[in-house]
Amino acid sequence: MTLNDILVVDGGIDTDASELDYYLAVQRAINNGLWSMPGRTGRALSDAMREGRCMLGQSAARDAYGRAVPARDEVEEGTVGSYGLVAQTMGDDWAAQMAAATRSH
C-alpha cells in the first residue's frame, strides 16, 4: 500500500490509472484495513465491494464507526465481499488478481 494508492482511491489526484489499477489500489486499501478512514475513502471501498469489483480482506477490521468488518472467508460465498461475487461479476481472472493484491504495495 502506497500513498499513491490512497490518493487514487480518494480521488485526490488526477490519475491515468486503468480500471484494473484503480481497483487493485482499492483492494490493497481494503486489505490494509482503511475502513477506519471516514468519508470518500470508506465509501469507495464499500462501493467497490457492492459492485462486485473487490472483496473483503483476509483479516477482519473495524470501520470508521467502530463496526466490525468481516474477513472474506467469514461471509457466504456469492454475497457482497466474497471471492465468488467478484468472480461472477468480473470473471475469474479479475477475482484472482484481487485476491492476490498484496498488503505491501
PDB file of N, CA and C in Angstrom:
ATOM      1  N   MET A   1       0.847  -1.180   0.000  1.00  0.00           N
ATOM      2  CA  MET A   1       0.000   0.000   0.000  1.00  0.00           C
ATOM      3  C   MET A   1       0.888   1.238   0.000  1.00  0.00           C
ATOM      4  N   THR A   2       0.646   2.107  -0.960  1.00  0.00           N
ATOM      5  CA  THR A   2       1.451   3.318  -1.066  1.00  0.00           C
ATOM      6  C   THR A   2       0.572   4.543  -0.886  1.00  0.00           C
ATOM      7  N   LEU A   3       1.210   5.687  -0.689  1.00  0.00           N
ATOM      8  CA  LEU A   3       0.470   6.943  -0.636  1.00  0.00           C
ATOM      9  C   LEU A   3      -0.281   7.148  -1.942  1.00  0.00           C
ATOM     10  N   ASN A   4       0.325   6.765  -3.047  1.00  0.00           N
ATOM     11  CA  ASN A   4      -0.346   6.884  -4.338  1.00  0.00           C
ATOM     12  C   ASN A   4      -1.636   6.068  -4.357  1.00  0.00           C
ATOM     13  N   ASP A   5      -1.618   4.859  -3.770  1.00  0.00           N
ATOM     14  CA  ASP A   5      -2.841   4.049  -3.681  1.00  0.00           C
ATOM     15  C   ASP A   5      -3.941   4.823  -2.962  1.00  0.00           C
ATOM     16  N   ILE A   6      -3.587   5.419  -1.837  1.00  0.00           N
ATOM     17  CA  ILE A   6      -4.575   6.166  -1.055  1.00  0.00           C
ATOM     18  C   ILE A   6      -5.116   7.331  -1.864  1.00  0.00           C
ATOM     19  N   LEU A   7      -4.237   8.055  -2.546  1.00  0.00           N
ATOM     20  CA  LEU A   7      -4.683   9.187  -3.350  1.00  0.00           C
ATOM     21  C   LEU A   7      -5.546   8.752  -4.520  1.00  0.00           C
ATOM     22  N   VAL A   8      -5.207   7.641  -5.142  1.00  0.00           N
ATOM     23  CA  VAL A   8      -6.016   7.126  -6.253  1.00  0.00           C
ATOM     24  C   VAL A   8      -7.412   6.771  -5.754  1.00  0.00           C
ATOM     25  N   VAL A   9      -7.494   6.055  -4.633  1.00  0.00           N
ATOM     26  CA  VAL A   9      -8.788   5.649  -4.076  1.00  0.00           C
ATOM     27  C   VAL A   9      -9.601   6.876  -3.681  1.00  0.00           C
ATOM     28  N   ASP A  10      -8.941   7.836  -3.065  1.00  0.00           N
ATOM     29  CA  ASP A  10      -9.627   9.015  -2.551  1.00  0.00           C
ATOM     30  C   ASP A  10      -9.982  10.006  -3.647  1.00  0.00           C
ATOM     31  N   GLY A  11      -9.431   9.811  -4.837  1.00  0.00           N
ATOM     32  CA  GLY A  11      -9.708  10.734  -5.931  1.00  0.00           C
ATOM     33  C   GLY A  11      -9.018  12.066  -5.757  1.00  0.00           C
ATOM     34  N   GLY A  12      -7.985  12.102  -4.900  1.00  0.00           N
ATOM     35  CA  GLY A  12      -7.306  13.341  -4.591  1.00  0.00           C
ATOM     36  C   GLY A  12      -6.281  13.769  -5.615  1.00  0.00           C
ATOM     37  N   ILE A  13      -5.998  12.917  -6.587  1.00  0.00           N
ATOM     38  CA  ILE A  13      -5.055  13.310  -7.636  1.00  0.00           C
ATOM     39  C   ILE A  13      -5.649  12.940  -8.990  1.00  0.00           C
ATOM     40  N   ASP A  14      -5.214  13.654 -10.004  1.00  0.00           N
ATOM     41  CA  ASP A  14      -5.595  13.315 -11.368  1.00  0.00           C
ATOM     42  C   ASP A  14      -4.715  12.148 -11.789  1.00  0.00           C
ATOM     43  N   THR A  15      -5.329  11.046 -12.153  1.00  0.00           N
ATOM     44  CA  THR A  15      -4.553   9.856 -12.450  1.00  0.00           C
ATOM     45  C   THR A  15      -4.989   9.245 -13.767  1.00  0.00           C
ATOM     46  N   ASP A  16      -4.060   8.610 -14.408  1.00  0.00           N
ATOM     47  CA  ASP A  16      -4.361   7.878 -15.626  1.00  0.00           C
ATOM     48  C   ASP A  16      -4.439   6.386 -15.334  1.00  0.00           C
ATOM     49  N   ALA A  17      -4.737   6.034 -14.088  1.00  0.00           N
ATOM     50  CA  ALA A  17      -4.814   4.631 -13.702  1.00  0.00           C
ATOM     51  C   ALA A  17      -5.893   3.924 -14.517  1.00  0.00           C
ATOM     52  N   SER A  18      -5.563   2.731 -14.965  1.00  0.00           N
ATOM     53  CA  SER A  18      -6.562   1.929 -15.665  1.00  0.00           C
ATOM     54  C   SER A  18      -7.606   1.474 -14.656  1.00  0.00           C
ATOM     55  N   GLU A  19      -8.705   0.952 -15.162  1.00  0.00           N
ATOM     56  CA  GLU A  19      -9.742   0.427 -14.272  1.00  0.00           C
ATOM     57  C   GLU A  19      -9.162  -0.637 -13.342  1.00  0.00           C
ATOM     58  N   LEU A  20      -8.373  -1.547 -13.903  1.00  0.00           N
ATOM     59  CA  LEU A  20      -7.767  -2.596 -13.080  1.00  0.00           C
ATOM     60  C   LEU A  20      -6.841  -2.001 -12.030  1.00  0.00           C
ATOM     61  N   ASP A  21      -5.988  -1.061 -12.418  1.00  0.00           N
ATOM     62  CA  ASP A  21      -5.068  -0.439 -11.459  1.00  0.00           C
ATOM     63  C   ASP A  21      -5.832   0.253 -10.333  1.00  0.00           C
ATOM     64  N   TYR A  22      -6.905   0.941 -10.680  1.00  0.00           N
ATOM     65  CA  TYR A  22      -7.722   1.618  -9.666  1.00  0.00           C
ATOM     66  C   TYR A  22      -8.264   0.601  -8.664  1.00  0.00           C
ATOM     67  N   TYR A  23      -8.863  -0.486  -9.165  1.00  0.00           N
ATOM     68  CA  TYR A  23      -9.462  -1.459  -8.250  1.00  0.00           C
ATOM     69  C   TYR A  23      -8.417  -2.280  -7.493  1.00  0.00           C
ATOM     70  N   LEU A  24      -7.232  -2.453  -8.060  1.00  0.00           N
ATOM     71  CA  LEU A  24      -6.153  -3.071  -7.286  1.00  0.00           C
ATOM     72  C   LEU A  24      -5.757  -2.168  -6.122  1.00  0.00           C
ATOM     73  N   ALA A  25      -5.719  -0.851  -6.358  1.00  0.00           N
ATOM     74  CA  ALA A  25      -5.432   0.092  -5.269  1.00  0.00           C
ATOM     75  C   ALA A  25      -6.527   0.034  -4.214  1.00  0.00           C
ATOM     76  N   VAL A  26      -7.781  -0.052  -4.654  1.00  0.00           N
ATOM     77  CA  VAL A  26      -8.898  -0.179  -3.709  1.00  0.00           C
ATOM     78  C   VAL A  26      -8.768  -1.478  -2.915  1.00  0.00           C
ATOM     79  N   GLN A  27      -8.442  -2.574  -3.602  1.00  0.00           N
ATOM     80  CA  GLN A  27      -8.311  -3.860  -2.907  1.00  0.00           C
ATOM     81  C   GLN A  27      -7.184  -3.807  -1.882  1.00  0.00           C
ATOM     82  N   ARG A  28      -6.069  -3.182  -2.230  1.00  0.00           N
ATOM     83  CA  ARG A  28      -4.978  -3.048  -1.249  1.00  0.00           C
ATOM     84  C   ARG A  28      -5.435  -2.208  -0.056  1.00  0.00           C
ATOM     85  N   ALA A  29      -6.232  -1.173  -0.301  1.00  0.00           N
ATOM     86  CA  ALA A  29      -6.766  -0.361   0.805  1.00  0.00           C
ATOM     87  C   ALA A  29      -7.660  -1.213   1.703  1.00  0.00           C
ATOM     88  N   ILE A  30      -8.495  -2.049   1.099  1.00  0.00           N
ATOM     89  CA  ILE A  30      -9.347  -2.959   1.871  1.00  0.00           C
ATOM     90  C   ILE A  30      -8.474  -3.906   2.685  1.00  0.00           C
ATOM     91  N   ASN A  31      -7.479  -4.502   2.037  1.00  0.00           N
ATOM     92  CA  ASN A  31      -6.594  -5.452   2.722  1.00  0.00           C
ATOM     93  C   ASN A  31      -5.850  -4.811   3.890  1.00  0.00           C
ATOM     94  N   ASN A  32      -5.584  -3.520   3.784  1.00  0.00           N
ATOM     95  CA  ASN A  32      -4.855  -2.803   4.830  1.00  0.00           C
ATOM     96  C   ASN A  32      -5.775  -2.200   5.882  1.00  0.00           C
ATOM     97  N   GLY A  33      -7.054  -2.488   5.805  1.00  0.00           N
ATOM     98  CA  GLY A  33      -7.980  -2.032   6.832  1.00  0.00           C
ATOM     99  C   GLY A  33      -8.276  -0.548   6.822  1.00  0.00           C
ATOM    100  N   LEU A  34      -8.256   0.082   5.653  1.00  0.00           N
ATOM    101  CA  LEU A  34      -8.534   1.510   5.595  1.00  0.00           C
ATOM    102  C   LEU A  34     -10.012   1.840   5.798  1.00  0.00           C
ATOM    103  N   TRP A  35     -10.745   0.882   6.304  1.00  0.00           N
ATOM    104  CA  TRP A  35     -12.149   1.120   6.656  1.00  0.00           C
ATOM    105  C   TRP A  35     -12.254   2.213   7.704  1.00  0.00           C
ATOM    106  N   SER A  36     -11.210   2.415   8.455  1.00  0.00           N
ATOM    107  CA  SER A  36     -11.252   3.399   9.529  1.00  0.00           C
ATOM    108  C   SER A  36     -11.231   4.838   9.006  1.00  0.00           C
ATOM    109  N   MET A  37     -10.975   5.008   7.728  1.00  0.00           N
ATOM    110  CA  MET A  37     -10.977   6.351   7.147  1.00  0.00           C
ATOM    111  C   MET A  37     -12.402   6.738   6.772  1.00  0.00           C
ATOM    112  N   PRO A  38     -12.903   7.818   7.349  1.00  0.00           N
ATOM    113  CA  PRO A  38     -14.279   8.227   7.051  1.00  0.00           C
ATOM    114  C   PRO A  38     -14.383   8.879   5.675  1.00  0.00           C
ATOM    115  N   GLY A  39     -15.585   9.101   5.247  1.00  0.00           N
ATOM    116  CA  GLY A  39     -15.830   9.871   4.037  1.00  0.00           C
ATOM    117  C   GLY A  39     -15.629   9.108   2.751  1.00  0.00           C
ATOM    118  N   ARG A  40     -15.040   9.805   1.800  1.00  0.00           N
ATOM    119  CA  ARG A  40     -14.916   9.318   0.430  1.00  0.00           C
ATOM    120  C   ARG A  40     -14.187   7.981   0.334  1.00  0.00           C
ATOM    121  N   THR A  41     -13.121   7.811   1.105  1.00  0.00           N
ATOM    122  CA  THR A  41     -12.339   6.575   1.020  1.00  0.00           C
ATOM    123  C   THR A  41     -13.168   5.380   1.456  1.00  0.00           C
ATOM    124  N   GLY A  42     -13.813   5.473   2.600  1.00  0.00           N
ATOM    125  CA  GLY A  42     -14.654   4.379   3.077  1.00  0.00           C
ATOM    126  C   GLY A  42     -15.774   4.053   2.102  1.00  0.00           C
ATOM    127  N   ARG A  43     -16.376   5.091   1.523  1.00  0.00           N
ATOM    128  CA  ARG A  43     -17.443   4.864   0.531  1.00  0.00           C
ATOM    129  C   ARG A  43     -16.900   4.177  -0.712  1.00  0.00           C
ATOM    130  N   ALA A  44     -15.698   4.551  -1.150  1.00  0.00           N
ATOM    131  CA  ALA A  44     -15.090   3.920  -2.332  1.00  0.00           C
ATOM    132  C   ALA A  44     -14.878   2.429  -2.088  1.00  0.00           C
ATOM    133  N   LEU A  45     -14.424   2.079  -0.893  1.00  0.00           N
ATOM    134  CA  LEU A  45     -14.208   0.663  -0.577  1.00  0.00           C
ATOM    135  C   LEU A  45     -15.538  -0.089  -0.592  1.00  0.00           C
ATOM    136  N   SER A  46     -16.539   0.472   0.066  1.00  0.00           N
ATOM    137  CA  SER A  46     -17.860  -0.168   0.115  1.00  0.00           C
ATOM    138  C   SER A  46     -18.472  -0.293  -1.272  1.00  0.00           C
ATOM    139  N   ASP A  47     -18.393   0.773  -2.056  1.00  0.00           N
ATOM    140  CA  ASP A  47     -18.974   0.752  -3.399  1.00  0.00           C
ATOM    141  C   ASP A  47     -18.316  -0.321  -4.262  1.00  0.00           C
ATOM    142  N   ALA A  48     -16.992  -0.448  -4.186  1.00  0.00           N
ATOM    143  CA  ALA A  48     -16.275  -1.440  -4.993  1.00  0.00           C
ATOM    144  C   ALA A  48     -16.723  -2.857  -4.630  1.00  0.00           C
ATOM    145  N   MET A  49     -17.008  -3.089  -3.374  1.00  0.00           N
ATOM    146  CA  MET A  49     -17.470  -4.423  -2.971  1.00  0.00           C
ATOM    147  C   MET A  49     -18.921  -4.653  -3.389  1.00  0.00           C
ATOM    148  N   ARG A  50     -19.780  -3.654  -3.192  1.00  0.00           N
ATOM    149  CA  ARG A  50     -21.182  -3.808  -3.606  1.00  0.00           C
ATOM    150  C   ARG A  50     -21.293  -4.051  -5.110  1.00  0.00           C
ATOM    151  N   GLU A  51     -20.403  -3.430  -5.873  1.00  0.00           N
ATOM    152  CA  GLU A  51     -20.399  -3.600  -7.334  1.00  0.00           C
ATOM    153  C   GLU A  51     -19.791  -4.931  -7.758  1.00  0.00           C
ATOM    154  N   GLY A  52     -19.201  -5.674  -6.823  1.00  0.00           N
ATOM    155  CA  GLY A  52     -18.588  -6.952  -7.149  1.00  0.00           C
ATOM    156  C   GLY A  52     -17.236  -6.816  -7.816  1.00  0.00           C
ATOM    157  N   ARG A  53     -16.547  -5.705  -7.617  1.00  0.00           N
ATOM    158  CA  ARG A  53     -15.236  -5.480  -8.212  1.00  0.00           C
ATOM    159  C   ARG A  53     -14.105  -5.807  -7.243  1.00  0.00           C
ATOM    160  N   CYS A  54     -14.378  -5.732  -5.941  1.00  0.00           N
ATOM    161  CA  CYS A  54     -13.394  -6.036  -4.900  1.00  0.00           C
ATOM    162  C   CYS A  54     -14.034  -6.922  -3.851  1.00  0.00           C
ATOM    163  N   MET A  55     -13.198  -7.550  -3.041  1.00  0.00           N
ATOM    164  CA  MET A  55     -13.679  -8.451  -1.992  1.00  0.00           C
ATOM    165  C   MET A  55     -13.134  -7.991  -0.648  1.00  0.00           C
ATOM    166  N   LEU A  56     -13.710  -8.528   0.392  1.00  0.00           N
ATOM    167  CA  LEU A  56     -13.211  -8.238   1.729  1.00  0.00           C
ATOM    168  C   LEU A  56     -11.767  -8.680   1.857  1.00  0.00           C
ATOM    169  N   GLY A  57     -11.079  -8.143   2.836  1.00  0.00           N
ATOM    170  CA  GLY A  57      -9.704  -8.522   3.092  1.00  0.00           C
ATOM    171  C   GLY A  57      -9.608  -9.890   3.746  1.00  0.00           C
ATOM    172  N   GLN A  58      -8.406 -10.356   3.921  1.00  0.00           N
ATOM    173  CA  GLN A  58      -8.190 -11.662   4.537  1.00  0.00           C
ATOM    174  C   GLN A  58      -8.342 -11.606   6.047  1.00  0.00           C
ATOM    175  N   SER A  59      -8.320 -10.404   6.619  1.00  0.00           N
ATOM    176  CA  SER A  59      -8.473 -10.238   8.059  1.00  0.00           C
ATOM    177  C   SER A  59      -9.653  -9.329   8.350  1.00  0.00           C
ATOM    178  N   ALA A  60     -10.320  -9.570   9.452  1.00  0.00           N
ATOM    179  CA  ALA A  60     -11.414  -8.708   9.887  1.00  0.00           C
ATOM    180  C   ALA A  60     -10.848  -7.338  10.266  1.00  0.00           C
ATOM    181  N   ALA A  61     -11.704  -6.323  10.253  1.00  0.00           N
ATOM    182  CA  ALA A  61     -11.273  -4.953  10.567  1.00  0.00           C
ATOM    183  C   ALA A  61     -12.430  -4.230  11.256  1.00  0.00           C
ATOM    184  N   ARG A  62     -12.249  -2.954  11.515  1.00  0.00           N
ATOM    185  CA  ARG A  62     -13.280  -2.067  12.063  1.00  0.00           C
ATOM    186  C   ARG A  62     -13.416  -0.871  11.126  1.00  0.00           C
ATOM    187  N   ASP A  63     -14.662  -0.407  10.930  1.00  0.00           N
ATOM    188  CA  ASP A  63     -14.866   0.765  10.096  1.00  0.00           C
ATOM    189  C   ASP A  63     -14.712   2.037  10.922  1.00  0.00           C
ATOM    190  N   ALA A  64     -14.946   3.188  10.306  1.00  0.00           N
ATOM    191  CA  ALA A  64     -14.756   4.479  10.964  1.00  0.00           C
ATOM    192  C   ALA A  64     -15.677   4.662  12.163  1.00  0.00           C
ATOM    193  N   TYR A  65     -16.735   3.870  12.239  1.00  0.00           N
ATOM    194  CA  TYR A  65     -17.703   3.979  13.327  1.00  0.00           C
ATOM    195  C   TYR A  65     -17.531   2.876  14.362  1.00  0.00           C
ATOM    196  N   GLY A  66     -16.469   2.087  14.224  1.00  0.00           N
ATOM    197  CA  GLY A  66     -16.190   1.027  15.178  1.00  0.00           C
ATOM    198  C   GLY A  66     -16.918  -0.277  14.910  1.00  0.00           C
ATOM    199  N   ARG A  67     -17.663  -0.350  13.810  1.00  0.00           N
ATOM    200  CA  ARG A  67     -18.383  -1.581  13.464  1.00  0.00           C
ATOM    201  C   ARG A  67     -17.432  -2.608  12.880  1.00  0.00           C
ATOM    202  N   ALA A  68     -17.707  -3.860  13.157  1.00  0.00           N
ATOM    203  CA  ALA A  68     -16.879  -4.960  12.658  1.00  0.00           C
ATOM    204  C   ALA A  68     -17.077  -5.126  11.154  1.00  0.00           C
ATOM    205  N   VAL A  69     -15.974  -5.313  10.453  1.00  0.00           N
ATOM    206  CA  VAL A  69     -15.966  -5.642   9.026  1.00  0.00           C
ATOM    207  C   VAL A  69     -15.370  -7.043   8.949  1.00  0.00           C
ATOM    208  N   PRO A  70     -16.147  -8.023   8.487  1.00  0.00           N
ATOM    209  CA  PRO A  70     -15.644  -9.403   8.491  1.00  0.00           C
ATOM    210  C   PRO A  70     -14.540  -9.632   7.465  1.00  0.00           C
ATOM    211  N   ALA A  71     -13.839 -10.728   7.635  1.00  0.00           N
ATOM    212  CA  ALA A  71     -12.867 -11.176   6.641  1.00  0.00           C
ATOM    213  C   ALA A  71     -13.629 -11.860   5.510  1.00  0.00           C
ATOM    214  N   ARG A  72     -12.982 -11.994   4.356  1.00  0.00           N
ATOM    215  CA  ARG A  72     -13.689 -12.559   3.194  1.00  0.00           C
ATOM    216  C   ARG A  72     -14.140 -13.991   3.411  1.00  0.00           C
ATOM    217  N   ASP A  73     -13.440 -14.753   4.244  1.00  0.00           N
ATOM    218  CA  ASP A  73     -13.870 -16.132   4.476  1.00  0.00           C
ATOM    219  C   ASP A  73     -14.941 -16.230   5.558  1.00  0.00           C
ATOM    220  N   GLU A  74     -15.383 -15.089   6.077  1.00  0.00           N
ATOM    221  CA  GLU A  74     -16.449 -15.071   7.077  1.00  0.00           C
ATOM    222  C   GLU A  74     -17.809 -14.725   6.485  1.00  0.00           C
ATOM    223  N   VAL A  75     -17.868 -14.481   5.186  1.00  0.00           N
ATOM    224  CA  VAL A  75     -19.150 -14.192   4.535  1.00  0.00           C
ATOM    225  C   VAL A  75     -19.516 -15.351   3.606  1.00  0.00           C
ATOM    226  N   GLU A  76     -20.801 -15.478   3.351  1.00  0.00           N
ATOM    227  CA  GLU A  76     -21.280 -16.557   2.488  1.00  0.00           C
ATOM    228  C   GLU A  76     -20.797 -16.333   1.055  1.00  0.00           C
ATOM    229  N   GLU A  77     -20.324 -17.393   0.440  1.00  0.00           N
ATOM    230  CA  GLU A  77     -19.824 -17.323  -0.935  1.00  0.00           C
ATOM    231  C   GLU A  77     -20.938 -16.817  -1.860  1.00  0.00           C
ATOM    232  N   GLY A  78     -20.591 -15.873  -2.719  1.00  0.00           N
ATOM    233  CA  GLY A  78     -21.554 -15.304  -3.653  1.00  0.00           C
ATOM    234  C   GLY A  78     -22.224 -14.040  -3.136  1.00  0.00           C
ATOM    235  N   THR A  79     -21.937 -13.658  -1.885  1.00  0.00           N
ATOM    236  CA  THR A  79     -22.509 -12.435  -1.335  1.00  0.00           C
ATOM    237  C   THR A  79     -21.489 -11.307  -1.398  1.00  0.00           C
ATOM    238  N   VAL A  80     -21.931 -10.091  -1.095  1.00  0.00           N
ATOM    239  CA  VAL A  80     -21.055  -8.922  -1.125  1.00  0.00           C
ATOM    240  C   VAL A  80     -19.827  -9.178  -0.259  1.00  0.00           C
ATOM    241  N   GLY A  81     -18.672  -8.919  -0.828  1.00  0.00           N
ATOM    242  CA  GLY A  81     -17.410  -9.089  -0.127  1.00  0.00           C
ATOM    243  C   GLY A  81     -16.745 -10.432  -0.353  1.00  0.00           C
ATOM    244  N   SER A  82     -17.429 -11.343  -1.029  1.00  0.00           N
ATOM    245  CA  SER A  82     -16.870 -12.683  -1.243  1.00  0.00           C
ATOM    246  C   SER A  82     -16.113 -12.769  -2.571  1.00  0.00           C
ATOM    247  N   TYR A  83     -15.199 -13.717  -2.615  1.00  0.00           N
ATOM    248  CA  TYR A  83     -14.470 -14.014  -3.853  1.00  0.00           C
ATOM    249  C   TYR A  83     -15.468 -14.382  -4.948  1.00  0.00           C
ATOM    250  N   GLY A  84     -16.451 -15.183  -4.590  1.00  0.00           N
ATOM    251  CA  GLY A  84     -17.422 -15.678  -5.568  1.00  0.00           C
ATOM    252  C   GLY A  84     -18.183 -14.577  -6.280  1.00  0.00           C
ATOM    253  N   LEU A  85     -18.574 -13.530  -5.558  1.00  0.00           N
ATOM    254  CA  LEU A  85     -19.304 -12.435  -6.206  1.00  0.00           C
ATOM    255  C   LEU A  85     -18.400 -11.710  -7.197  1.00  0.00           C
ATOM    256  N   VAL A  86     -17.146 -11.513  -6.826  1.00  0.00           N
ATOM    257  CA  VAL A  86     -16.206 -10.844  -7.739  1.00  0.00           C
ATOM    258  C   VAL A  86     -15.996 -11.700  -8.990  1.00  0.00           C
ATOM    259  N   ALA A  87     -15.824 -13.003  -8.809  1.00  0.00           N
ATOM    260  CA  ALA A  87     -15.644 -13.902  -9.956  1.00  0.00           C
ATOM    261  C   ALA A  87     -16.877 -13.905 -10.848  1.00  0.00           C
ATOM    262  N   GLN A  88     -18.050 -13.897 -10.247  1.00  0.00           N
ATOM    263  CA  GLN A  88     -19.297 -13.898 -11.011  1.00  0.00           C
ATOM    264  C   GLN A  88     -19.477 -12.583 -11.768  1.00  0.00           C
ATOM    265  N   THR A  89     -19.139 -11.476 -11.142  1.00  0.00           N
ATOM    266  CA  THR A  89     -19.346 -10.158 -11.731  1.00  0.00           C
ATOM    267  C   THR A  89     -18.284  -9.790 -12.761  1.00  0.00           C
ATOM    268  N   MET A  90     -17.014 -10.042 -12.406  1.00  0.00           N
ATOM    269  CA  MET A  90     -15.895  -9.547 -13.219  1.00  0.00           C
ATOM    270  C   MET A  90     -15.103 -10.647 -13.913  1.00  0.00           C
ATOM    271  N   GLY A  91     -15.330 -11.891 -13.554  1.00  0.00           N
ATOM    272  CA  GLY A  91     -14.605 -13.001 -14.158  1.00  0.00           C
ATOM    273  C   GLY A  91     -13.530 -13.552 -13.232  1.00  0.00           C
ATOM    274  N   ASP A  92     -13.130 -14.776 -13.518  1.00  0.00           N
ATOM    275  CA  ASP A  92     -12.158 -15.468 -12.673  1.00  0.00           C
ATOM    276  C   ASP A  92     -10.792 -14.794 -12.656  1.00  0.00           C
ATOM    277  N   ASP A  93     -10.326 -14.295 -13.795  1.00  0.00           N
ATOM    278  CA  ASP A  93      -9.005 -13.655 -13.842  1.00  0.00           C
ATOM    279  C   ASP A  93      -8.967 -12.409 -12.958  1.00  0.00           C
ATOM    280  N   TRP A  94     -10.013 -11.587 -13.057  1.00  0.00           N
ATOM    281  CA  TRP A  94     -10.101 -10.374 -12.239  1.00  0.00           C
ATOM    282  C   TRP A  94     -10.117 -10.748 -10.758  1.00  0.00           C
ATOM    283  N   ALA A  95     -10.950 -11.712 -10.395  1.00  0.00           N
ATOM    284  CA  ALA A  95     -11.059 -12.134  -8.987  1.00  0.00           C
ATOM    285  C   ALA A  95      -9.714 -12.641  -8.466  1.00  0.00           C
ATOM    286  N   ALA A  96      -9.006 -13.399  -9.273  1.00  0.00           N
ATOM    287  CA  ALA A  96      -7.705 -13.917  -8.857  1.00  0.00           C
ATOM    288  C   ALA A  96      -6.717 -12.762  -8.625  1.00  0.00           C
ATOM    289  N   GLN A  97      -6.757 -11.749  -9.468  1.00  0.00           N
ATOM    290  CA  GLN A  97      -5.872 -10.593  -9.277  1.00  0.00           C
ATOM    291  C   GLN A  97      -6.218  -9.826  -8.002  1.00  0.00           C
ATOM    292  N   MET A  98      -7.506  -9.681  -7.726  1.00  0.00           N
ATOM    293  CA  MET A  98      -7.916  -9.010  -6.490  1.00  0.00           C
ATOM    294  C   MET A  98      -7.489  -9.820  -5.271  1.00  0.00           C
ATOM    295  N   ALA A  99      -7.661 -11.122  -5.342  1.00  0.00           N
ATOM    296  CA  ALA A  99      -7.289 -11.982  -4.212  1.00  0.00           C
ATOM    297  C   ALA A  99      -5.797 -11.943  -3.963  1.00  0.00           C
ATOM    298  N   ALA A 100      -5.011 -11.731  -5.013  1.00  0.00           N
ATOM    299  CA  ALA A 100      -3.557 -11.730  -4.891  1.00  0.00           C
ATOM    300  C   ALA A 100      -2.998 -10.340  -4.557  1.00  0.00           C
ATOM    301  N   ALA A 101      -3.849  -9.312  -4.562  1.00  0.00           N
ATOM    302  CA  ALA A 101      -3.361  -7.956  -4.256  1.00  0.00           C
ATOM    303  C   ALA A 101      -2.723  -7.964  -2.880  1.00  0.00           C
ATOM    304  N   THR A 102      -1.477  -7.586  -2.815  1.00  0.00           N
ATOM    305  CA  THR A 102      -0.735  -7.721  -1.569  1.00  0.00           C
ATOM    306  C   THR A 102      -0.887  -6.508  -0.679  1.00  0.00           C
ATOM    307  N   ARG A 103      -0.660  -6.736   0.591  1.00  0.00           N
ATOM    308  CA  ARG A 103      -0.722  -5.677   1.587  1.00  0.00           C
ATOM    309  C   ARG A 103       0.462  -4.727   1.483  1.00  0.00           C
ATOM    310  N   SER A 104       1.564  -5.182   0.948  1.00  0.00           N
ATOM    311  CA  SER A 104       2.791  -4.382   0.995  1.00  0.00           C
ATOM    312  C   SER A 104       2.916  -3.352  -0.104  1.00  0.00           C
ATOM    313  N   HIS A 105       2.100  -3.391  -1.129  1.00  0.00           N
ATOM    314  CA  HIS A 105       2.231  -2.416  -2.228  1.00  0.00           C
ATOM    315  C   HIS A 105       1.621  -1.093  -1.865  1.00  0.00           C
TER     316      HIS A 105
END
